[in-house]
Protein backbone atom coordinates (compact mmCIF):
# COMPACT_ATOMS: atom_id res chain seq x y z
CA UNK A 1 0.00 0.00 0.00
CA UNK A 2 1.23 3.44 -0.93
CA UNK A 3 1.89 5.91 1.91
CA UNK A 4 -0.44 8.93 2.00
CA UNK A 5 0.82 12.22 0.64
CA UNK A 6 1.23 15.32 2.77
CA UNK A 7 -1.88 16.82 1.15
CA UNK A 8 -3.92 13.72 1.96
CA UNK A 9 -2.76 13.90 5.58
CA UNK A 10 -3.78 17.58 5.74
CA UNK A 11 -7.20 16.73 4.31
CA UNK A 12 -7.62 13.86 6.77
CA UNK A 13 -6.74 16.13 9.71
CA UNK A 14 -9.24 18.72 8.49
CA UNK A 15 -12.01 16.14 8.03
CA UNK A 16 -11.42 14.60 11.44
CA UNK A 17 -11.46 18.08 12.98
CA UNK A 18 -14.85 18.69 11.38
CA UNK A 19 -16.14 15.32 12.61
CA UNK A 20 -14.92 16.14 16.12
CA UNK A 21 -16.67 19.51 16.01
CA UNK A 22 -19.91 17.87 14.87
CA UNK A 23 -19.67 15.24 17.63
CA UNK A 24 -19.09 17.94 20.25
CA UNK A 25 -22.02 19.98 18.97
CA UNK A 26 -24.30 16.93 19.03
CA UNK A 27 -23.26 16.06 22.57
CA UNK A 28 -23.89 19.63 23.78
CA UNK A 29 -27.36 19.67 22.22
CA UNK A 30 -28.28 16.30 23.73
CA UNK A 31 -27.05 17.37 27.17
CA UNK A 32 -29.13 20.54 26.93
CA UNK A 33 -32.15 18.43 26.02
CA UNK A 34 -31.48 16.16 29.02
CA UNK A 35 -31.32 19.19 31.34
CA UNK A 36 -34.58 20.39 29.83
CA UNK A 37 -36.19 17.02 30.57
CA UNK A 38 -34.98 17.24 34.18
CA UNK A 39 -36.53 20.71 34.46
CA UNK A 40 -39.79 19.49 32.91
CA UNK A 41 -40.01 16.59 35.34
CA UNK A 42 -39.19 18.75 38.36
CA UNK A 43 -41.80 21.34 37.32
CA UNK A 44 -44.47 18.66 37.08
CA UNK A 45 -43.62 16.58 40.15
CA UNK A 46 -41.38 18.76 42.30
CA UNK A 47 -37.70 18.39 43.04
CA UNK A 48 -36.51 16.22 45.93
CA UNK A 49 -34.39 17.93 48.57
CA UNK A 50 -30.62 17.76 48.37
CA UNK A 51 -28.22 17.51 45.49
CA UNK A 52 -28.95 15.25 42.54
CA UNK A 53 -28.03 11.72 43.58
CA UNK A 54 -28.68 8.96 41.02
CA UNK A 55 -28.45 6.34 43.79
CA UNK A 56 -31.13 7.94 45.96
CA UNK A 57 -34.66 6.51 46.03
CA UNK A 58 -36.05 10.05 45.78
CA UNK A 59 -34.43 10.60 42.36
CA UNK A 60 -35.33 7.19 40.91
CA UNK A 61 -38.52 8.41 39.14
CA UNK A 62 -36.69 11.23 37.35
CA UNK A 63 -33.93 8.81 36.34
CA UNK A 64 -36.53 6.48 34.82
CA UNK A 65 -38.21 9.42 33.06
CA UNK A 66 -34.95 10.56 31.44
CA UNK A 67 -33.29 7.16 30.85
CA UNK A 68 -33.66 7.14 27.05
CA UNK A 69 -32.22 10.64 26.70
CA UNK A 70 -29.44 9.79 29.16
CA UNK A 71 -28.47 6.82 26.96
CA UNK A 72 -28.38 9.12 23.91
CA UNK A 73 -26.03 11.47 25.79
CA UNK A 74 -23.80 8.52 26.74
CA UNK A 75 -23.66 7.39 23.10
CA UNK A 76 -22.82 10.96 22.03
CA UNK A 77 -20.00 11.12 24.59
CA UNK A 78 -18.60 7.88 23.22
CA UNK A 79 -18.86 9.21 19.66
CA UNK A 80 -17.09 12.41 20.73
CA UNK A 81 -14.29 10.43 22.37
CA UNK A 82 -13.85 8.29 19.24
CA UNK A 83 -13.84 11.37 16.99
CA UNK A 84 -11.22 12.99 19.21
CA UNK A 85 -9.09 9.84 19.11
CA UNK A 86 -9.31 9.70 15.29
CA UNK A 87 -8.41 13.39 15.06
CA UNK A 88 -5.37 12.97 17.31
CA UNK A 89 -4.28 9.97 15.23
CA UNK A 90 -4.54 12.07 12.06
CA UNK A 91 -2.54 14.87 13.67
CA UNK A 92 0.18 12.47 14.82
CA UNK A 93 0.46 11.08 11.28
CA UNK A 94 0.67 14.60 9.89
CA UNK A 95 3.30 15.58 12.45
CA UNK A 96 5.38 12.51 11.64
CA UNK A 97 5.33 13.40 7.93
CA UNK A 98 6.43 17.02 8.31
CA UNK A 99 9.70 17.78 6.55
CA UNK A 100 12.75 18.18 8.83
CA UNK A 101 12.90 21.95 8.16
CA UNK A 102 9.48 22.66 9.63
CA UNK A 103 10.13 20.33 12.60
CA UNK A 104 13.19 22.39 13.57
CA UNK A 105 11.15 25.60 13.52
CA UNK A 106 8.55 24.16 15.88
PDB file of N, CA and C in Angstrom:
ATOM      1  N   UNK A   1       0.840  -1.188   0.000  1.00  0.00           N
ATOM      2  CA  UNK A   1       0.000   0.000   0.000  1.00  0.00           C
ATOM      3  C   UNK A   1       0.882   1.247   0.000  1.00  0.00           C
ATOM      4  N   UNK A   2       0.478   2.211  -0.778  1.00  0.00           N
ATOM      5  CA  UNK A   2       1.229   3.440  -0.926  1.00  0.00           C
ATOM      6  C   UNK A   2       0.974   4.365   0.269  1.00  0.00           C
ATOM      7  N   UNK A   3       2.023   4.995   0.770  1.00  0.00           N
ATOM      8  CA  UNK A   3       1.887   5.911   1.906  1.00  0.00           C
ATOM      9  C   UNK A   3       1.117   7.161   1.471  1.00  0.00           C
ATOM     10  N   UNK A   4       0.326   7.727   2.371  1.00  0.00           N
ATOM     11  CA  UNK A   4      -0.440   8.925   2.003  1.00  0.00           C
ATOM     12  C   UNK A   4       0.485  10.125   1.779  1.00  0.00           C
ATOM     13  N   UNK A   5       0.053  11.006   0.900  1.00  0.00           N
ATOM     14  CA  UNK A   5       0.818  12.221   0.639  1.00  0.00           C
ATOM     15  C   UNK A   5       0.559  13.233   1.748  1.00  0.00           C
ATOM     16  N   UNK A   6       1.388  14.258   1.768  1.00  0.00           N
ATOM     17  CA  UNK A   6       1.229  15.317   2.772  1.00  0.00           C
ATOM     18  C   UNK A   6      -0.146  15.973   2.627  1.00  0.00           C
ATOM     19  N   UNK A   7      -0.569  16.206   1.394  1.00  0.00           N
ATOM     20  CA  UNK A   7      -1.878  16.822   1.148  1.00  0.00           C
ATOM     21  C   UNK A   7      -3.007  15.932   1.666  1.00  0.00           C
ATOM     22  N   UNK A   8      -2.896  14.642   1.459  1.00  0.00           N
ATOM     23  CA  UNK A   8      -3.917  13.719   1.963  1.00  0.00           C
ATOM     24  C   UNK A   8      -3.964  13.733   3.488  1.00  0.00           C
ATOM     25  N   UNK A   9      -2.804  13.837   4.122  1.00  0.00           N
ATOM     26  CA  UNK A   9      -2.761  13.905   5.584  1.00  0.00           C
ATOM     27  C   UNK A   9      -3.402  15.197   6.092  1.00  0.00           C
ATOM     28  N   UNK A  10      -3.152  16.294   5.385  1.00  0.00           N
ATOM     29  CA  UNK A  10      -3.776  17.582   5.745  1.00  0.00           C
ATOM     30  C   UNK A  10      -5.294  17.464   5.630  1.00  0.00           C
ATOM     31  N   UNK A  11      -5.755  16.885   4.525  1.00  0.00           N
ATOM     32  CA  UNK A  11      -7.199  16.727   4.314  1.00  0.00           C
ATOM     33  C   UNK A  11      -7.815  15.825   5.380  1.00  0.00           C
ATOM     34  N   UNK A  12      -7.117  14.759   5.731  1.00  0.00           N
ATOM     35  CA  UNK A  12      -7.617  13.856   6.773  1.00  0.00           C
ATOM     36  C   UNK A  12      -7.718  14.575   8.118  1.00  0.00           C
ATOM     37  N   UNK A  13      -6.713  15.376   8.448  1.00  0.00           N
ATOM     38  CA  UNK A  13      -6.742  16.127   9.707  1.00  0.00           C
ATOM     39  C   UNK A  13      -7.903  17.120   9.709  1.00  0.00           C
ATOM     40  N   UNK A  14      -8.136  17.761   8.576  1.00  0.00           N
ATOM     41  CA  UNK A  14      -9.244  18.718   8.488  1.00  0.00           C
ATOM     42  C   UNK A  14     -10.595  18.012   8.616  1.00  0.00           C
ATOM     43  N   UNK A  15     -10.746  16.887   7.952  1.00  0.00           N
ATOM     44  CA  UNK A  15     -12.012  16.143   8.027  1.00  0.00           C
ATOM     45  C   UNK A  15     -12.271  15.613   9.434  1.00  0.00           C
ATOM     46  N   UNK A  16     -11.224  15.107  10.076  1.00  0.00           N
ATOM     47  CA  UNK A  16     -11.423  14.599  11.438  1.00  0.00           C
ATOM     48  C   UNK A  16     -11.708  15.737  12.412  1.00  0.00           C
ATOM     49  N   UNK A  17     -11.152  16.919  12.139  1.00  0.00           N
ATOM     50  CA  UNK A  17     -11.463  18.081  12.981  1.00  0.00           C
ATOM     51  C   UNK A  17     -12.937  18.450  12.838  1.00  0.00           C
ATOM     52  N   UNK A  18     -13.438  18.400  11.618  1.00  0.00           N
ATOM     53  CA  UNK A  18     -14.851  18.693  11.382  1.00  0.00           C
ATOM     54  C   UNK A  18     -15.744  17.649  12.054  1.00  0.00           C
ATOM     55  N   UNK A  19     -15.364  16.384  11.949  1.00  0.00           N
ATOM     56  CA  UNK A  19     -16.140  15.320  12.607  1.00  0.00           C
ATOM     57  C   UNK A  19     -16.136  15.495  14.121  1.00  0.00           C
ATOM     58  N   UNK A  20     -14.999  15.897  14.678  1.00  0.00           N
ATOM     59  CA  UNK A  20     -14.917  16.142  16.120  1.00  0.00           C
ATOM     60  C   UNK A  20     -15.827  17.298  16.513  1.00  0.00           C
ATOM     61  N   UNK A  21     -15.807  18.365  15.734  1.00  0.00           N
ATOM     62  CA  UNK A  21     -16.674  19.512  16.014  1.00  0.00           C
ATOM     63  C   UNK A  21     -18.145  19.103  15.983  1.00  0.00           C
ATOM     64  N   UNK A  22     -18.518  18.321  14.981  1.00  0.00           N
ATOM     65  CA  UNK A  22     -19.909  17.871  14.874  1.00  0.00           C
ATOM     66  C   UNK A  22     -20.297  16.981  16.052  1.00  0.00           C
ATOM     67  N   UNK A  23     -19.391  16.112  16.481  1.00  0.00           N
ATOM     68  CA  UNK A  23     -19.671  15.237  17.626  1.00  0.00           C
ATOM     69  C   UNK A  23     -19.829  16.057  18.904  1.00  0.00           C
ATOM     70  N   UNK A  24     -18.987  17.076  19.073  1.00  0.00           N
ATOM     71  CA  UNK A  24     -19.092  17.937  20.254  1.00  0.00           C
ATOM     72  C   UNK A  24     -20.398  18.719  20.251  1.00  0.00           C
ATOM     73  N   UNK A  25     -20.781  19.222  19.091  1.00  0.00           N
ATOM     74  CA  UNK A  25     -22.024  19.979  18.969  1.00  0.00           C
ATOM     75  C   UNK A  25     -23.231  19.094  19.266  1.00  0.00           C
ATOM     76  N   UNK A  26     -23.209  17.878  18.765  1.00  0.00           N
ATOM     77  CA  UNK A  26     -24.299  16.933  19.026  1.00  0.00           C
ATOM     78  C   UNK A  26     -24.401  16.630  20.510  1.00  0.00           C
ATOM     79  N   UNK A  27     -23.260  16.381  21.146  1.00  0.00           N
ATOM     80  CA  UNK A  27     -23.261  16.063  22.575  1.00  0.00           C
ATOM     81  C   UNK A  27     -23.811  17.233  23.392  1.00  0.00           C
ATOM     82  N   UNK A  28     -23.403  18.447  23.051  1.00  0.00           N
ATOM     83  CA  UNK A  28     -23.893  19.627  23.779  1.00  0.00           C
ATOM     84  C   UNK A  28     -25.404  19.763  23.645  1.00  0.00           C
ATOM     85  N   UNK A  29     -25.913  19.552  22.445  1.00  0.00           N
ATOM     86  CA  UNK A  29     -27.358  19.667  22.221  1.00  0.00           C
ATOM     87  C   UNK A  29     -28.122  18.599  22.996  1.00  0.00           C
ATOM     88  N   UNK A  30     -27.610  17.378  23.004  1.00  0.00           N
ATOM     89  CA  UNK A  30     -28.282  16.298  23.728  1.00  0.00           C
ATOM     90  C   UNK A  30     -28.239  16.523  25.237  1.00  0.00           C
ATOM     91  N   UNK A  31     -27.128  17.065  25.737  1.00  0.00           N
ATOM     92  CA  UNK A  31     -27.047  17.366  27.171  1.00  0.00           C
ATOM     93  C   UNK A  31     -28.028  18.472  27.546  1.00  0.00           C
ATOM     94  N   UNK A  32     -28.174  19.470  26.676  1.00  0.00           N
ATOM     95  CA  UNK A  32     -29.135  20.544  26.935  1.00  0.00           C
ATOM     96  C   UNK A  32     -30.556  19.986  26.956  1.00  0.00           C
ATOM     97  N   UNK A  33     -30.833  19.059  26.053  1.00  0.00           N
ATOM     98  CA  UNK A  33     -32.153  18.428  26.022  1.00  0.00           C
ATOM     99  C   UNK A  33     -32.394  17.604  27.289  1.00  0.00           C
ATOM    100  N   UNK A  34     -31.363  16.933  27.777  1.00  0.00           N
ATOM    101  CA  UNK A  34     -31.479  16.162  29.019  1.00  0.00           C
ATOM    102  C   UNK A  34     -31.769  17.092  30.198  1.00  0.00           C
ATOM    103  N   UNK A  35     -31.052  18.213  30.265  1.00  0.00           N
ATOM    104  CA  UNK A  35     -31.315  19.188  31.339  1.00  0.00           C
ATOM    105  C   UNK A  35     -32.740  19.718  31.247  1.00  0.00           C
ATOM    106  N   UNK A  36     -33.213  19.925  30.037  1.00  0.00           N
ATOM    107  CA  UNK A  36     -34.585  20.387  29.835  1.00  0.00           C
ATOM    108  C   UNK A  36     -35.592  19.349  30.330  1.00  0.00           C
ATOM    109  N   UNK A  37     -35.308  18.080  30.082  1.00  0.00           N
ATOM    110  CA  UNK A  37     -36.187  17.017  30.574  1.00  0.00           C
ATOM    111  C   UNK A  37     -36.196  16.972  32.098  1.00  0.00           C
ATOM    112  N   UNK A  38     -35.031  17.173  32.710  1.00  0.00           N
ATOM    113  CA  UNK A  38     -34.980  17.241  34.178  1.00  0.00           C
ATOM    114  C   UNK A  38     -35.871  18.377  34.675  1.00  0.00           C
ATOM    115  N   UNK A  39     -35.726  19.548  34.053  1.00  0.00           N
ATOM    116  CA  UNK A  39     -36.532  20.709  34.457  1.00  0.00           C
ATOM    117  C   UNK A  39     -38.020  20.432  34.284  1.00  0.00           C
ATOM    118  N   UNK A  40     -38.388  19.821  33.168  1.00  0.00           N
ATOM    119  CA  UNK A  40     -39.792  19.492  32.911  1.00  0.00           C
ATOM    120  C   UNK A  40     -40.331  18.558  33.987  1.00  0.00           C
ATOM    121  N   UNK A  41     -39.569  17.542  34.314  1.00  0.00           N
ATOM    122  CA  UNK A  41     -40.008  16.587  35.341  1.00  0.00           C
ATOM    123  C   UNK A  41     -40.148  17.283  36.694  1.00  0.00           C
ATOM    124  N   UNK A  42     -39.158  18.084  37.050  1.00  0.00           N
ATOM    125  CA  UNK A  42     -39.192  18.747  38.359  1.00  0.00           C
ATOM    126  C   UNK A  42     -40.322  19.767  38.445  1.00  0.00           C
ATOM    127  N   UNK A  43     -40.658  20.414  37.328  1.00  0.00           N
ATOM    128  CA  UNK A  43     -41.800  21.337  37.318  1.00  0.00           C
ATOM    129  C   UNK A  43     -43.099  20.584  37.567  1.00  0.00           C
ATOM    130  N   UNK A  44     -43.229  19.424  36.966  1.00  0.00           N
ATOM    131  CA  UNK A  44     -44.469  18.656  37.076  1.00  0.00           C
ATOM    132  C   UNK A  44     -44.609  17.960  38.427  1.00  0.00           C
ATOM    133  N   UNK A  45     -43.524  17.415  38.947  1.00  0.00           N
ATOM    134  CA  UNK A  45     -43.623  16.577  40.146  1.00  0.00           C
ATOM    135  C   UNK A  45     -42.862  17.116  41.355  1.00  0.00           C
ATOM    136  N   UNK A  46     -42.170  18.221  41.195  1.00  0.00           N
ATOM    137  CA  UNK A  46     -41.384  18.764  42.297  1.00  0.00           C
ATOM    138  C   UNK A  46     -40.000  18.129  42.345  1.00  0.00           C
ATOM    139  N   UNK A  47     -39.089  18.870  42.955  1.00  0.00           N
ATOM    140  CA  UNK A  47     -37.704  18.393  43.039  1.00  0.00           C
ATOM    141  C   UNK A  47     -37.431  17.899  44.452  1.00  0.00           C
ATOM    142  N   UNK A  48     -36.870  16.700  44.599  1.00  0.00           N
ATOM    143  CA  UNK A  48     -36.513  16.220  45.934  1.00  0.00           C
ATOM    144  C   UNK A  48     -35.434  17.108  46.562  1.00  0.00           C
ATOM    145  N   UNK A  49     -35.391  17.123  47.863  1.00  0.00           N
ATOM    146  CA  UNK A  49     -34.388  17.930  48.566  1.00  0.00           C
ATOM    147  C   UNK A  49     -32.995  17.336  48.367  1.00  0.00           C
ATOM    148  N   UNK A  50     -32.006  18.199  48.471  1.00  0.00           N
ATOM    149  CA  UNK A  50     -30.616  17.760  48.366  1.00  0.00           C
ATOM    150  C   UNK A  50     -30.103  17.814  46.947  1.00  0.00           C
ATOM    151  N   UNK A  51     -28.808  17.496  46.834  1.00  0.00           N
ATOM    152  CA  UNK A  51     -28.216  17.513  45.493  1.00  0.00           C
ATOM    153  C   UNK A  51     -28.628  16.259  44.726  1.00  0.00           C
ATOM    154  N   UNK A  52     -28.521  16.353  43.413  1.00  0.00           N
ATOM    155  CA  UNK A  52     -28.950  15.253  42.542  1.00  0.00           C
ATOM    156  C   UNK A  52     -28.087  14.028  42.827  1.00  0.00           C
ATOM    157  N   UNK A  53     -28.727  12.957  43.260  1.00  0.00           N
ATOM    158  CA  UNK A  53     -28.031  11.717  43.584  1.00  0.00           C
ATOM    159  C   UNK A  53     -28.704  10.569  42.834  1.00  0.00           C
ATOM    160  N   UNK A  54     -28.048  10.025  41.808  1.00  0.00           N
ATOM    161  CA  UNK A  54     -28.677   8.961  41.021  1.00  0.00           C
ATOM    162  C   UNK A  54     -28.918   7.676  41.817  1.00  0.00           C
ATOM    163  N   UNK A  55     -28.289   7.545  42.978  1.00  0.00           N
ATOM    164  CA  UNK A  55     -28.447   6.337  43.790  1.00  0.00           C
ATOM    165  C   UNK A  55     -29.507   6.499  44.868  1.00  0.00           C
ATOM    166  N   UNK A  56     -30.105   7.678  44.957  1.00  0.00           N
ATOM    167  CA  UNK A  56     -31.126   7.941  45.965  1.00  0.00           C
ATOM    168  C   UNK A  56     -32.498   7.487  45.458  1.00  0.00           C
ATOM    169  N   UNK A  57     -33.287   6.929  46.365  1.00  0.00           N
ATOM    170  CA  UNK A  57     -34.659   6.508  46.030  1.00  0.00           C
ATOM    171  C   UNK A  57     -35.495   7.691  45.548  1.00  0.00           C
ATOM    172  N   UNK A  58     -35.254   8.869  46.115  1.00  0.00           N
ATOM    173  CA  UNK A  58     -36.049  10.048  45.778  1.00  0.00           C
ATOM    174  C   UNK A  58     -35.877  10.454  44.315  1.00  0.00           C
ATOM    175  N   UNK A  59     -34.707  10.190  43.741  1.00  0.00           N
ATOM    176  CA  UNK A  59     -34.431  10.599  42.363  1.00  0.00           C
ATOM    177  C   UNK A  59     -34.682   9.481  41.350  1.00  0.00           C
ATOM    178  N   UNK A  60     -35.085   8.319  41.809  1.00  0.00           N
ATOM    179  CA  UNK A  60     -35.330   7.190  40.911  1.00  0.00           C
ATOM    180  C   UNK A  60     -36.388   7.484  39.841  1.00  0.00           C
ATOM    181  N   UNK A  61     -37.516   8.127  40.188  1.00  0.00           N
ATOM    182  CA  UNK A  61     -38.517   8.415  39.145  1.00  0.00           C
ATOM    183  C   UNK A  61     -37.991   9.321  38.026  1.00  0.00           C
ATOM    184  N   UNK A  62     -37.217  10.340  38.383  1.00  0.00           N
ATOM    185  CA  UNK A  62     -36.687  11.235  37.348  1.00  0.00           C
ATOM    186  C   UNK A  62     -35.648  10.502  36.502  1.00  0.00           C
ATOM    187  N   UNK A  63     -34.911   9.588  37.106  1.00  0.00           N
ATOM    188  CA  UNK A  63     -33.932   8.809  36.345  1.00  0.00           C
ATOM    189  C   UNK A  63     -34.650   7.910  35.327  1.00  0.00           C
ATOM    190  N   UNK A  64     -35.748   7.318  35.743  1.00  0.00           N
ATOM    191  CA  UNK A  64     -36.531   6.480  34.823  1.00  0.00           C
ATOM    192  C   UNK A  64     -37.135   7.315  33.696  1.00  0.00           C
ATOM    193  N   UNK A  65     -37.594   8.518  34.033  1.00  0.00           N
ATOM    194  CA  UNK A  65     -38.214   9.415  33.057  1.00  0.00           C
ATOM    195  C   UNK A  65     -37.215   9.841  31.979  1.00  0.00           C
ATOM    196  N   UNK A  66     -35.962  10.033  32.361  1.00  0.00           N
ATOM    197  CA  UNK A  66     -34.954  10.563  31.437  1.00  0.00           C
ATOM    198  C   UNK A  66     -33.986   9.500  30.914  1.00  0.00           C
ATOM    199  N   UNK A  67     -34.240   8.234  31.201  1.00  0.00           N
ATOM    200  CA  UNK A  67     -33.291   7.164  30.850  1.00  0.00           C
ATOM    201  C   UNK A  67     -32.950   7.127  29.358  1.00  0.00           C
ATOM    202  N   UNK A  68     -33.933   7.224  28.495  1.00  0.00           N
ATOM    203  CA  UNK A  68     -33.665   7.145  27.048  1.00  0.00           C
ATOM    204  C   UNK A  68     -32.756   8.289  26.595  1.00  0.00           C
ATOM    205  N   UNK A  69     -33.047   9.498  27.075  1.00  0.00           N
ATOM    206  CA  UNK A  69     -32.219  10.645  26.705  1.00  0.00           C
ATOM    207  C   UNK A  69     -30.816  10.508  27.299  1.00  0.00           C
ATOM    208  N   UNK A  70     -30.737  10.001  28.515  1.00  0.00           N
ATOM    209  CA  UNK A  70     -29.440   9.792  29.160  1.00  0.00           C
ATOM    210  C   UNK A  70     -28.590   8.828  28.331  1.00  0.00           C
ATOM    211  N   UNK A  71     -29.204   7.785  27.799  1.00  0.00           N
ATOM    212  CA  UNK A  71     -28.472   6.825  26.964  1.00  0.00           C
ATOM    213  C   UNK A  71     -27.997   7.477  25.663  1.00  0.00           C
ATOM    214  N   UNK A  72     -28.807   8.392  25.115  1.00  0.00           N
ATOM    215  CA  UNK A  72     -28.378   9.119  23.909  1.00  0.00           C
ATOM    216  C   UNK A  72     -27.171  10.005  24.217  1.00  0.00           C
ATOM    217  N   UNK A  73     -27.169  10.639  25.394  1.00  0.00           N
ATOM    218  CA  UNK A  73     -26.027  11.470  25.791  1.00  0.00           C
ATOM    219  C   UNK A  73     -24.783  10.593  25.953  1.00  0.00           C
ATOM    220  N   UNK A  74     -24.939   9.433  26.574  1.00  0.00           N
ATOM    221  CA  UNK A  74     -23.796   8.520  26.738  1.00  0.00           C
ATOM    222  C   UNK A  74     -23.235   8.098  25.385  1.00  0.00           C
ATOM    223  N   UNK A  75     -24.104   7.787  24.447  1.00  0.00           N
ATOM    224  CA  UNK A  75     -23.655   7.395  23.103  1.00  0.00           C
ATOM    225  C   UNK A  75     -22.943   8.562  22.417  1.00  0.00           C
ATOM    226  N   UNK A  76     -23.448   9.779  22.622  1.00  0.00           N
ATOM    227  CA  UNK A  76     -22.819  10.960  22.027  1.00  0.00           C
ATOM    228  C   UNK A  76     -21.445  11.210  22.643  1.00  0.00           C
ATOM    229  N   UNK A  77     -21.308  10.973  23.943  1.00  0.00           N
ATOM    230  CA  UNK A  77     -19.999  11.122  24.593  1.00  0.00           C
ATOM    231  C   UNK A  77     -19.004  10.122  24.017  1.00  0.00           C
ATOM    232  N   UNK A  78     -19.465   8.910  23.796  1.00  0.00           N
ATOM    233  CA  UNK A  78     -18.603   7.877  23.218  1.00  0.00           C
ATOM    234  C   UNK A  78     -18.199   8.266  21.796  1.00  0.00           C
ATOM    235  N   UNK A  79     -19.149   8.775  21.025  1.00  0.00           N
ATOM    236  CA  UNK A  79     -18.859   9.210  19.655  1.00  0.00           C
ATOM    237  C   UNK A  79     -17.870  10.372  19.660  1.00  0.00           C
ATOM    238  N   UNK A  80     -18.020  11.282  20.623  1.00  0.00           N
ATOM    239  CA  UNK A  80     -17.089  12.411  20.725  1.00  0.00           C
ATOM    240  C   UNK A  80     -15.684  11.907  21.058  1.00  0.00           C
ATOM    241  N   UNK A  81     -15.591  10.989  22.003  1.00  0.00           N
ATOM    242  CA  UNK A  81     -14.289  10.428  22.371  1.00  0.00           C
ATOM    243  C   UNK A  81     -13.631   9.766  21.163  1.00  0.00           C
ATOM    244  N   UNK A  82     -14.398   8.976  20.415  1.00  0.00           N
ATOM    245  CA  UNK A  82     -13.848   8.293  19.240  1.00  0.00           C
ATOM    246  C   UNK A  82     -13.423   9.285  18.163  1.00  0.00           C
ATOM    247  N   UNK A  83     -14.200  10.346  17.977  1.00  0.00           N
ATOM    248  CA  UNK A  83     -13.837  11.375  16.994  1.00  0.00           C
ATOM    249  C   UNK A  83     -12.552  12.084  17.422  1.00  0.00           C
ATOM    250  N   UNK A  84     -12.431  12.337  18.712  1.00  0.00           N
ATOM    251  CA  UNK A  84     -11.219  12.990  19.215  1.00  0.00           C
ATOM    252  C   UNK A  84      -9.999  12.080  19.030  1.00  0.00           C
ATOM    253  N   UNK A  85     -10.174  10.804  19.295  1.00  0.00           N
ATOM    254  CA  UNK A  85      -9.089   9.840  19.114  1.00  0.00           C
ATOM    255  C   UNK A  85      -8.664   9.778  17.645  1.00  0.00           C
ATOM    256  N   UNK A  86      -9.639   9.727  16.728  1.00  0.00           N
ATOM    257  CA  UNK A  86      -9.315   9.698  15.292  1.00  0.00           C
ATOM    258  C   UNK A  86      -8.599  10.984  14.869  1.00  0.00           C
ATOM    259  N   UNK A  87      -9.036  12.114  15.405  1.00  0.00           N
ATOM    260  CA  UNK A  87      -8.408  13.394  15.063  1.00  0.00           C
ATOM    261  C   UNK A  87      -6.959  13.424  15.555  1.00  0.00           C
ATOM    262  N   UNK A  88      -6.739  12.985  16.787  1.00  0.00           N
ATOM    263  CA  UNK A  88      -5.367  12.971  17.307  1.00  0.00           C
ATOM    264  C   UNK A  88      -4.479  12.021  16.505  1.00  0.00           C
ATOM    265  N   UNK A  89      -5.034  10.910  16.069  1.00  0.00           N
ATOM    266  CA  UNK A  89      -4.277   9.973  15.235  1.00  0.00           C
ATOM    267  C   UNK A  89      -3.890  10.637  13.913  1.00  0.00           C
ATOM    268  N   UNK A  90      -4.822  11.359  13.320  1.00  0.00           N
ATOM    269  CA  UNK A  90      -4.539  12.065  12.060  1.00  0.00           C
ATOM    270  C   UNK A  90      -3.471  13.135  12.267  1.00  0.00           C
ATOM    271  N   UNK A  91      -3.543  13.834  13.391  1.00  0.00           N
ATOM    272  CA  UNK A  91      -2.544  14.869  13.670  1.00  0.00           C
ATOM    273  C   UNK A  91      -1.162  14.261  13.915  1.00  0.00           C
ATOM    274  N   UNK A  92      -1.111  13.133  14.598  1.00  0.00           N
ATOM    275  CA  UNK A  92       0.180  12.469  14.820  1.00  0.00           C
ATOM    276  C   UNK A  92       0.790  12.026  13.490  1.00  0.00           C
ATOM    277  N   UNK A  93      -0.036  11.496  12.599  1.00  0.00           N
ATOM    278  CA  UNK A  93       0.460  11.076  11.282  1.00  0.00           C
ATOM    279  C   UNK A  93       0.972  12.279  10.498  1.00  0.00           C
ATOM    280  N   UNK A  94       0.256  13.371  10.581  1.00  0.00           N
ATOM    281  CA  UNK A  94       0.671  14.596   9.893  1.00  0.00           C
ATOM    282  C   UNK A  94       1.976  15.116  10.474  1.00  0.00           C
ATOM    283  N   UNK A  95       2.090  15.108  11.785  1.00  0.00           N
ATOM    284  CA  UNK A  95       3.296  15.585  12.455  1.00  0.00           C
ATOM    285  C   UNK A  95       4.501  14.713  12.102  1.00  0.00           C
ATOM    286  N   UNK A  96       4.293  13.421  11.987  1.00  0.00           N
ATOM    287  CA  UNK A  96       5.382  12.508  11.645  1.00  0.00           C
ATOM    288  C   UNK A  96       5.853  12.719  10.207  1.00  0.00           C
ATOM    289  N   UNK A  97       5.005  13.221   9.343  1.00  0.00           N
ATOM    290  CA  UNK A  97       5.328  13.399   7.927  1.00  0.00           C
ATOM    291  C   UNK A  97       6.047  14.715   7.660  1.00  0.00           C
ATOM    292  N   UNK A  98       5.879  15.680   8.574  1.00  0.00           N
ATOM    293  CA  UNK A  98       6.428  17.015   8.314  1.00  0.00           C
ATOM    294  C   UNK A  98       7.898  16.955   7.916  1.00  0.00           C
ATOM    295  N   UNK A  99       8.290  17.738   6.943  1.00  0.00           N
ATOM    296  CA  UNK A  99       9.702  17.781   6.551  1.00  0.00           C
ATOM    297  C   UNK A  99      10.572  18.256   7.724  1.00  0.00           C
ATOM    298  N   UNK A 100      11.834  17.871   7.723  1.00  0.00           N
ATOM    299  CA  UNK A 100      12.748  18.184   8.826  1.00  0.00           C
ATOM    300  C   UNK A 100      12.856  19.686   9.071  1.00  0.00           C
ATOM    301  N   UNK A 101      12.784  20.497   8.022  1.00  0.00           N
ATOM    302  CA  UNK A 101      12.905  21.950   8.160  1.00  0.00           C
ATOM    303  C   UNK A 101      11.816  22.518   9.064  1.00  0.00           C
ATOM    304  N   UNK A 102      10.581  22.112   8.841  1.00  0.00           N
ATOM    305  CA  UNK A 102       9.475  22.656   9.630  1.00  0.00           C
ATOM    306  C   UNK A 102       9.482  22.093  11.047  1.00  0.00           C
ATOM    307  N   UNK A 103      10.044  20.891  11.246  1.00  0.00           N
ATOM    308  CA  UNK A 103      10.130  20.329  12.597  1.00  0.00           C
ATOM    309  C   UNK A 103      11.110  21.135  13.446  1.00  0.00           C
ATOM    310  N   UNK A 104      12.205  21.599  12.832  1.00  0.00           N
ATOM    311  CA  UNK A 104      13.193  22.386  13.572  1.00  0.00           C
ATOM    312  C   UNK A 104      12.617  23.718  14.004  1.00  0.00           C
ATOM    313  N   UNK A 105      11.749  24.302  13.204  1.00  0.00           N
ATOM    314  CA  UNK A 105      11.153  25.602  13.522  1.00  0.00           C
ATOM    315  C   UNK A 105      10.151  25.489  14.660  1.00  0.00           C
ATOM    316  N   UNK A 106       9.583  24.337  14.863  1.00  0.00           N
ATOM    317  CA  UNK A 106       8.546  24.156  15.883  1.00  0.00           C
ATOM    318  C   UNK A 106       9.099  24.101  17.283  1.00  0.00           C
TER     319      UNK A 106
END
